[in-house]
Amino acid sequence: MALTDDQGQQVKLGGRPVAWHQVQAALALGCERVVCLSESPGSTLAAIQREVEGRGVKFSAVANSRALSGLINTADTLFVFAPGILPDSEWLAQALGARAGIACLPAAGAVERGFERIDRDRAWGGVLSTRGDAVEALSLLPADADPIAGLLRVALQRGARCVEIPALWLDDGRWALLGDPAAARRVETGWQSRYMPAPSLGWPGEYLSHKLAMLGLPRLAENPAIAPGFAVAGVALAAGGGVAGYSGMTVAGLAMIAIGALVSSFGHRLRSLARAGAGEKAGTLLPMVRDAVVDLSLVAVAASPQQFAGWHAPFAALVLVAAMRLSQEEAAPRFLRPVGDRILAVSVVAIAAAAGLFLPAVAGIALGGLAARIFWPASTKLTQV
């Protein structure tokens, strides 16, 4: 069972309130119920409740410590999260998942960052694990007393072990106390690079979609339908571009395919960023579907009977598809990365088509990429994010 505080709703990291990230840590610990101390339920708390219950875990919101005794059994293991604390989920599961303890930091450096000193040398790291019977001791406190502070005192009085958090985590933001938006902004870049790093500049189209997703994240993260909607709409737009191109509208069709690929990538990356920290692997089905639709649509444009006679254009488009796929392999030369970026490749072909050079552009990129992939020595392995 996990106990957190609704103050974490006010400060956001990656478009999500800190309380949401604490919930992810609690779920990683295997908690069967999440209890949130809240005096003013609202839309953010409701979103956290949906997240918890959607993962098959019970959720409760209470206004004061008196209501906790009816929710927590003496045999339960209770994990307590201080307001605003951003913990490292993996470390918690290893350090506090097995038995009771208090996460601690060296007082030097931690206190100045807002962490509470608990003795001369140590500060509370904002997370503790204790037995459920500790809640009974809260009945001796005034009704308006802070239950989280009370549970910390009970754990200290019981002589709970101190589990040391690596002090350097305070510097790189892996463990942080986010008391205001400015503190969240200071750690957000490092946090995102750990959970959802930007793709290499060798994929400029994918890099652009990632940056756009980061810009949209603060406003769109908490709407679960937005990101999949963009991803599916992008695939549909790319498919429509194939139909338009086959009907003879070559430039318009290629533009639709390129924009559709960008929109779909934006949606996929937006969802991945919005779920960063939830311990979920990024899905691969939608990117695979997007790539397949883009490839087929490109071939459909080249197969237009109104624009291209014979087999040369569709054959060149098929070779380009092969070159794009081969350039994405781990052993492909580093300089071939842009060829595998469908957003970039289709955009270049669309610009060439506007200048009346569709077939030369497709054939040139295809043959150049294929030849380089076949004859160039394998370089540093790479993996597209």
Protein backbone atom coordinates (compact mmCIF):
# COMPACT_ATOMS: atom_id res chain seq x y z
CA MET A 1 0.00 0.00 0.00
CA ALA A 2 1.25 3.49 -0.80
CA LEU A 3 0.41 6.82 0.84
CA THR A 4 1.04 10.07 -0.99
CA ASP A 5 -0.12 13.67 -0.86
CA ASP A 6 -2.13 15.77 -3.29
CA GLN A 7 0.41 18.60 -3.22
CA GLY A 8 2.11 16.61 -5.95
CA GLN A 9 -0.72 17.62 -8.24
CA GLN A 10 0.46 21.20 -8.49
CA VAL A 11 3.96 20.64 -9.91
CA LYS A 12 4.35 18.74 -13.16
CA LEU A 13 7.19 16.84 -14.76
CA GLY A 14 6.87 15.62 -18.34
CA GLY A 15 3.32 16.92 -18.43
CA ARG A 16 2.34 14.80 -15.42
CA PRO A 17 1.90 15.83 -11.78
CA VAL A 18 4.57 14.60 -9.40
CA ALA A 19 1.90 12.53 -7.65
CA TRP A 20 1.49 10.57 -10.91
CA HIS A 21 5.18 9.70 -10.89
CA GLN A 22 4.92 8.66 -7.25
CA VAL A 23 2.04 6.37 -8.21
CA GLN A 24 4.27 4.73 -10.83
CA ALA A 25 6.88 4.09 -8.14
CA ALA A 26 4.20 2.62 -5.88
CA LEU A 27 2.96 0.34 -8.63
CA ALA A 28 6.52 -0.80 -9.33
CA LEU A 29 6.72 -1.77 -5.65
CA GLY A 30 3.67 -4.00 -6.09
CA CYS A 31 1.29 -1.93 -3.97
CA GLU A 32 -2.30 -3.21 -3.95
CA ARG A 33 -3.83 0.11 -2.86
CA VAL A 34 -2.86 3.75 -3.30
CA VAL A 35 -4.13 6.29 -0.76
CA CYS A 36 -3.90 10.00 -1.54
CA LEU A 37 -4.29 12.67 1.13
CA SER A 38 -6.45 15.33 -0.47
CA GLU A 39 -8.75 18.02 0.83
CA SER A 40 -9.84 19.25 -2.59
CA PRO A 41 -10.54 16.52 -5.16
CA GLY A 42 -10.41 17.73 -8.74
CA SER A 43 -9.71 16.69 -12.31
CA THR A 44 -6.04 15.93 -11.67
CA LEU A 45 -6.84 13.65 -8.76
CA ALA A 46 -9.50 11.96 -10.89
CA ALA A 47 -6.91 11.35 -13.61
CA ILE A 48 -4.56 9.78 -11.05
CA GLN A 49 -7.42 7.59 -9.84
CA ARG A 50 -8.09 6.40 -13.40
CA GLU A 51 -4.41 5.60 -13.82
CA VAL A 52 -4.31 3.56 -10.61
CA GLU A 53 -7.56 1.70 -11.16
CA GLY A 54 -6.69 1.13 -14.82
CA ARG A 55 -3.65 -0.82 -13.59
CA GLY A 56 -5.87 -3.05 -11.43
CA VAL A 57 -5.01 -1.36 -8.12
CA LYS A 58 -7.41 0.08 -5.54
CA PHE A 59 -7.45 3.83 -5.00
CA SER A 60 -8.68 5.94 -2.10
CA ALA A 61 -8.57 9.65 -1.36
CA VAL A 62 -8.88 10.81 2.24
CA ALA A 63 -8.89 14.22 3.85
CA ASN A 64 -7.11 13.42 7.13
CA SER A 65 -5.24 10.77 9.08
CA ARG A 66 -8.33 9.54 10.94
CA ALA A 67 -9.65 7.92 7.76
CA LEU A 68 -6.47 5.90 7.24
CA SER A 69 -7.15 3.35 9.98
CA GLY A 70 -10.10 1.94 8.07
CA LEU A 71 -8.03 1.44 4.93
CA ILE A 72 -4.75 0.07 6.25
CA ASN A 73 -4.43 -3.22 8.10
CA THR A 74 -1.76 -3.79 10.72
CA ALA A 75 -0.25 -6.59 8.60
CA ASP A 76 0.12 -4.33 5.54
CA THR A 77 3.40 -2.90 4.34
CA LEU A 78 2.96 0.84 3.96
CA PHE A 79 5.09 2.96 1.64
CA VAL A 80 4.97 6.69 2.36
CA PHE A 81 5.89 9.39 -0.16
CA ALA A 82 6.59 12.97 0.90
CA PRO A 83 4.95 15.80 -1.07
CA GLY A 84 6.89 16.66 -4.22
CA ILE A 85 9.38 13.81 -4.02
CA LEU A 86 10.50 12.30 -7.33
CA PRO A 87 12.00 8.88 -6.51
CA ASP A 88 13.85 6.35 -8.62
CA SER A 89 11.41 3.46 -9.06
CA GLU A 90 13.99 0.78 -9.79
CA TRP A 91 16.09 1.65 -6.77
CA LEU A 92 13.05 1.69 -4.50
CA ALA A 93 11.98 -1.78 -5.56
CA GLN A 94 15.44 -3.13 -4.72
CA ALA A 95 16.13 -1.12 -1.56
CA LEU A 96 12.74 -0.90 0.17
CA GLY A 97 10.69 -3.57 -1.53
CA ALA A 98 11.66 -6.37 0.87
CA ARG A 99 11.53 -4.83 4.37
CA ALA A 100 10.91 -1.65 6.33
CA GLY A 101 13.30 1.26 6.10
CA ILE A 102 13.78 4.98 5.60
CA ALA A 103 15.36 6.35 2.42
CA CYS A 104 18.09 8.74 3.54
CA LEU A 105 20.49 11.24 1.99
CA PRO A 106 23.60 12.92 3.36
CA ALA A 107 22.40 16.06 5.15
CA ALA A 108 25.15 18.07 3.48
CA GLY A 109 23.69 18.96 0.12
CA ALA A 110 20.23 17.52 0.76
CA VAL A 111 18.98 19.95 3.41
CA GLU A 112 19.78 22.95 1.22
CA ARG A 113 17.62 21.36 -1.48
CA GLY A 114 14.63 21.23 0.86
CA PHE A 115 14.95 17.73 2.33
CA GLU A 116 14.10 17.35 6.03
CA ARG A 117 17.01 16.73 8.39
CA ILE A 118 16.46 13.72 10.67
CA ASP A 119 19.80 13.77 12.53
CA ARG A 120 23.16 15.45 12.38
CA ASP A 121 24.38 13.60 9.28
CA ARG A 122 21.28 12.49 7.43
CA ALA A 123 18.16 13.88 5.79
CA TRP A 124 14.96 12.07 4.92
CA GLY A 125 14.90 11.18 1.24
CA GLY A 126 11.13 11.50 1.09
CA VAL A 127 10.20 7.80 1.02
CA LEU A 128 9.85 5.26 3.80
CA SER A 129 8.48 1.77 4.29
CA THR A 130 6.84 0.69 7.54
CA ARG A 131 4.30 -1.71 8.99
CA GLY A 132 0.63 -0.87 8.71
CA ASP A 133 0.21 -0.73 12.48
CA ALA A 134 2.14 2.56 12.47
CA VAL A 135 -1.10 4.23 11.37
CA GLU A 136 -2.62 3.51 14.78
CA ALA A 137 -0.08 5.81 16.38
CA LEU A 138 -1.51 8.68 14.36
CA SER A 139 -4.67 8.56 16.47
CA LEU A 140 -2.67 10.21 19.26
CA LEU A 141 -1.98 13.24 17.08
CA PRO A 142 -4.33 16.22 16.59
CA ALA A 143 -6.86 15.82 13.79
CA ASP A 144 -5.11 18.46 11.67
CA ALA A 145 -1.63 17.00 12.14
CA ASP A 146 0.37 16.03 9.06
CA PRO A 147 0.12 12.21 8.84
CA ILE A 148 3.20 11.87 6.63
CA ALA A 149 5.36 13.73 9.15
CA GLY A 150 3.77 11.65 11.90
CA LEU A 151 4.60 8.37 10.16
CA LEU A 152 8.19 9.52 9.72
CA ARG A 153 8.47 10.19 13.45
CA VAL A 154 6.97 6.78 14.25
CA ALA A 155 9.45 5.05 11.94
CA LEU A 156 12.35 6.94 13.55
CA GLN A 157 11.14 6.07 17.04
CA ARG A 158 10.99 2.41 16.06
CA GLY A 159 14.61 2.54 14.94
CA ALA A 160 13.90 1.77 11.30
CA ARG A 161 16.99 1.11 9.22
CA CYS A 162 18.34 3.88 7.04
CA VAL A 163 18.79 3.03 3.37
CA GLU A 164 21.30 5.37 1.76
CA ILE A 165 20.37 6.98 -1.57
CA PRO A 166 23.42 7.73 -3.75
CA ALA A 167 24.19 11.40 -3.10
CA LEU A 168 25.16 12.07 -6.71
CA TRP A 169 21.55 11.44 -7.75
CA LEU A 170 20.70 14.86 -6.34
CA ASP A 171 22.98 16.44 -8.91
CA ASP A 172 21.71 14.56 -11.96
CA GLY A 173 18.03 14.76 -10.97
CA ARG A 174 17.51 11.02 -10.62
CA TRP A 175 16.21 11.75 -7.11
CA ALA A 176 14.68 15.18 -6.53
CA LEU A 177 12.34 17.22 -4.40
CA LEU A 178 10.11 19.21 -6.76
CA GLY A 179 8.55 21.86 -4.60
CA ASP A 180 7.82 24.30 -7.44
CA PRO A 181 7.73 24.40 -11.27
CA ALA A 182 11.23 25.86 -11.43
CA ALA A 183 12.63 22.80 -9.67
CA ALA A 184 10.80 20.55 -12.11
CA ARG A 185 12.22 22.42 -15.10
CA ARG A 186 15.75 21.98 -13.76
CA VAL A 187 15.50 18.17 -13.79
CA GLU A 188 13.16 17.64 -16.74
CA THR A 189 15.78 17.49 -19.48
CA GLY A 190 17.83 14.86 -17.67
CA TRP A 191 14.70 12.94 -16.73
CA GLN A 192 13.49 12.79 -20.32
CA SER A 193 16.89 11.72 -21.61
CA ARG A 194 16.79 8.74 -19.25
CA TYR A 195 13.30 7.59 -20.13
CA MET A 196 12.77 8.83 -23.70
CA PRO A 197 15.98 10.11 -25.31
CA ALA A 198 15.75 12.11 -28.50
CA PRO A 199 16.66 10.26 -31.70
CA SER A 200 19.94 11.01 -33.41
CA LEU A 201 20.21 14.00 -35.70
CA GLY A 202 20.90 11.39 -38.36
CA TRP A 203 17.10 11.01 -38.45
CA PRO A 204 16.14 14.68 -38.81
CA GLY A 205 12.46 13.97 -39.44
CA GLU A 206 12.18 11.76 -36.37
CA TYR A 207 14.17 14.30 -34.37
CA LEU A 208 11.70 17.01 -35.43
CA SER A 209 8.71 14.89 -34.39
CA HIS A 210 10.35 14.27 -31.01
CA LYS A 211 10.89 17.98 -30.42
CA LEU A 212 7.30 18.73 -31.43
CA ALA A 213 6.09 16.04 -29.03
CA MET A 214 8.09 17.62 -26.22
CA LEU A 215 6.50 20.99 -26.98
CA GLY A 216 3.01 19.49 -26.92
CA LEU A 217 3.61 17.33 -23.87
CA PRO A 218 2.69 19.86 -21.14
CA ARG A 219 -0.77 20.41 -22.62
CA LEU A 220 -1.56 17.00 -24.05
CA ALA A 221 0.01 14.45 -21.68
CA GLU A 222 -3.00 13.98 -19.45
CA ASN A 223 -5.47 13.36 -22.28
CA PRO A 224 -4.94 9.65 -23.05
CA ALA A 225 -6.83 9.74 -26.37
CA ILE A 226 -4.86 12.58 -27.99
CA ALA A 227 -1.59 10.79 -28.74
CA PRO A 228 -3.10 7.61 -30.27
CA GLY A 229 -5.47 9.85 -32.23
CA PHE A 230 -2.55 11.71 -33.82
CA ALA A 231 -0.74 8.45 -34.55
CA VAL A 232 -3.74 6.85 -36.27
CA ALA A 233 -4.68 10.05 -38.10
CA GLY A 234 -1.15 10.28 -39.48
CA VAL A 235 -1.34 6.74 -40.84
CA ALA A 236 -4.71 7.52 -42.42
CA LEU A 237 -3.31 10.70 -44.00
CA ALA A 238 -0.37 8.78 -45.45
CA ALA A 239 -2.75 6.19 -46.89
CA GLY A 240 -4.84 8.98 -48.38
CA GLY A 241 -1.69 10.39 -49.94
CA GLY A 242 -1.11 7.07 -51.67
CA VAL A 243 -4.63 7.14 -53.09
CA ALA A 244 -4.24 10.75 -54.23
CA GLY A 245 -0.89 10.02 -55.83
CA TYR A 246 -2.20 6.97 -57.64
CA SER A 247 -5.03 9.15 -58.96
CA GLY A 248 -2.47 11.43 -60.59
CA MET A 249 -1.86 14.08 -57.92
CA THR A 250 1.80 13.20 -57.43
CA VAL A 251 3.07 16.21 -55.50
CA ALA A 252 -0.03 16.49 -53.31
CA GLY A 253 0.03 12.77 -52.61
CA LEU A 254 3.72 12.81 -51.61
CA ALA A 255 3.14 15.84 -49.39
CA MET A 256 0.29 14.02 -47.66
CA ILE A 257 2.48 10.95 -47.12
CA ALA A 258 5.32 13.02 -45.63
CA ILE A 259 3.00 15.00 -43.36
CA GLY A 260 1.16 11.82 -42.37
CA ALA A 261 4.45 10.16 -41.41
CA LEU A 262 5.37 13.21 -39.31
CA VAL A 263 1.98 13.37 -37.58
CA SER A 264 2.00 9.64 -36.84
CA SER A 265 5.53 9.81 -35.44
CA PHE A 266 4.49 12.82 -33.34
CA GLY A 267 1.59 10.86 -31.87
CA HIS A 268 3.72 7.82 -31.11
CA ARG A 269 6.43 9.88 -29.44
CA LEU A 270 3.89 11.96 -27.54
CA ARG A 271 2.41 8.81 -26.05
CA SER A 272 5.85 7.44 -25.18
CA LEU A 273 6.81 10.71 -23.47
CA ALA A 274 3.48 10.88 -21.62
CA ARG A 275 4.01 7.34 -20.29
CA ALA A 276 7.69 7.83 -19.49
CA GLY A 277 8.41 6.59 -15.99
CA ALA A 278 5.51 4.13 -16.02
CA GLY A 279 7.78 1.15 -16.60
CA GLU A 280 6.16 0.30 -19.92
CA LYS A 281 8.02 -0.65 -23.07
CA ALA A 282 7.36 1.54 -26.07
CA GLY A 283 4.99 -0.16 -28.48
CA THR A 284 6.35 -1.16 -31.87
CA LEU A 285 3.15 -2.16 -33.68
CA LEU A 286 2.04 1.33 -34.69
CA PRO A 287 5.48 2.41 -36.00
CA MET A 288 5.62 -0.81 -38.02
CA VAL A 289 2.16 -0.15 -39.44
CA ARG A 290 3.09 3.46 -40.20
CA ASP A 291 6.24 2.42 -42.06
CA ALA A 292 4.35 -0.19 -44.06
CA VAL A 293 1.61 2.28 -45.02
CA VAL A 294 4.16 4.94 -46.02
CA ASP A 295 6.08 2.41 -48.13
CA LEU A 296 2.98 1.11 -49.89
CA SER A 297 1.70 4.64 -50.46
CA LEU A 298 5.00 5.67 -52.03
CA VAL A 299 4.82 2.72 -54.40
CA ALA A 300 1.18 3.57 -55.19
CA VAL A 301 2.19 7.11 -56.19
CA ALA A 302 4.88 5.74 -58.50
CA ALA A 303 2.40 3.25 -60.00
CA SER A 304 -0.01 5.96 -61.13
CA PRO A 305 -1.06 5.09 -64.71
CA GLN A 306 -1.83 8.76 -65.35
CA GLN A 307 1.65 10.03 -64.51
CA PHE A 308 4.11 7.21 -65.18
CA ALA A 309 4.03 4.73 -68.02
CA GLY A 310 5.70 1.35 -67.78
CA TRP A 311 7.34 -0.34 -64.83
CA HIS A 312 10.32 1.95 -64.23
CA ALA A 313 8.76 4.29 -61.63
CA PRO A 314 7.16 1.61 -59.40
CA PHE A 315 10.32 -0.49 -59.64
CA ALA A 316 12.46 2.46 -58.52
CA ALA A 317 10.02 3.12 -55.65
CA LEU A 318 10.32 -0.52 -54.54
CA VAL A 319 14.11 -0.23 -54.57
CA LEU A 320 13.81 2.94 -52.47
CA VAL A 321 11.63 1.11 -49.97
CA ALA A 322 14.28 -1.61 -49.75
CA ALA A 323 17.02 0.99 -49.27
CA MET A 324 15.03 2.71 -46.49
CA ARG A 325 14.51 -0.55 -44.65
CA LEU A 326 18.09 -1.73 -45.05
CA SER A 327 19.44 1.60 -43.79
CA GLN A 328 17.58 1.06 -40.52
CA GLU A 329 19.48 -2.12 -39.71
CA GLU A 330 21.95 -1.98 -36.85
CA ALA A 331 24.91 -2.74 -39.10
CA ALA A 332 24.09 -0.03 -41.64
CA PRO A 333 26.70 2.73 -42.17
CA ARG A 334 26.11 5.77 -40.01
CA PHE A 335 25.84 8.15 -42.95
CA LEU A 336 22.86 6.16 -44.30
CA ARG A 337 20.64 7.04 -41.36
CA PRO A 338 18.81 9.84 -43.22
CA VAL A 339 17.76 7.40 -45.94
CA GLY A 340 15.85 5.38 -43.33
CA ASP A 341 14.03 8.47 -42.12
CA ARG A 342 10.78 8.23 -44.10
CA ILE A 343 9.71 11.73 -43.13
CA LEU A 344 12.87 13.14 -44.68
CA ALA A 345 13.08 10.78 -47.64
CA VAL A 346 9.48 11.31 -48.79
CA SER A 347 9.80 15.08 -48.26
CA VAL A 348 12.86 15.19 -50.52
CA VAL A 349 11.04 13.16 -53.17
CA ALA A 350 8.02 15.49 -52.92
CA ILE A 351 10.24 18.55 -53.49
CA ALA A 352 11.88 16.83 -56.45
CA ALA A 353 8.47 15.90 -57.87
CA ALA A 354 7.41 19.55 -57.70
CA ALA A 355 10.41 20.31 -59.90
CA GLY A 356 9.49 17.52 -62.32
CA LEU A 357 12.28 15.21 -61.10
CA PHE A 358 10.29 12.50 -59.31
CA LEU A 359 11.80 9.48 -61.05
CA PRO A 360 15.44 10.73 -61.00
CA ALA A 361 15.13 11.53 -57.28
CA VAL A 362 13.60 8.19 -56.37
CA ALA A 363 16.08 6.23 -58.47
CA GLY A 364 19.06 8.26 -57.26
CA ILE A 365 18.26 7.91 -53.55
CA ALA A 366 17.31 4.26 -53.96
CA LEU A 367 20.37 3.13 -55.90
CA GLY A 368 22.76 5.25 -53.85
CA GLY A 369 21.38 3.97 -50.58
CA LEU A 370 21.24 0.37 -51.71
CA ALA A 371 24.75 0.42 -53.11
CA ALA A 372 26.16 1.99 -49.95
CA ARG A 373 24.39 -0.56 -47.79
CA ILE A 374 25.70 -3.47 -49.82
CA PHE A 375 29.28 -2.38 -50.45
CA TRP A 376 30.14 -0.09 -47.52
CA PRO A 377 31.71 -1.80 -44.48
CA ALA A 378 29.49 -2.14 -41.45
CA SER A 379 29.87 0.76 -38.99
CA THR A 380 28.91 1.41 -35.36
CA LYS A 381 25.69 -0.32 -34.48
CA LEU A 382 22.67 1.91 -34.07
CA THR A 383 19.14 1.53 -32.90
CA GLN A 384 16.32 3.90 -33.84
CA VAL A 385 14.37 5.14 -30.84
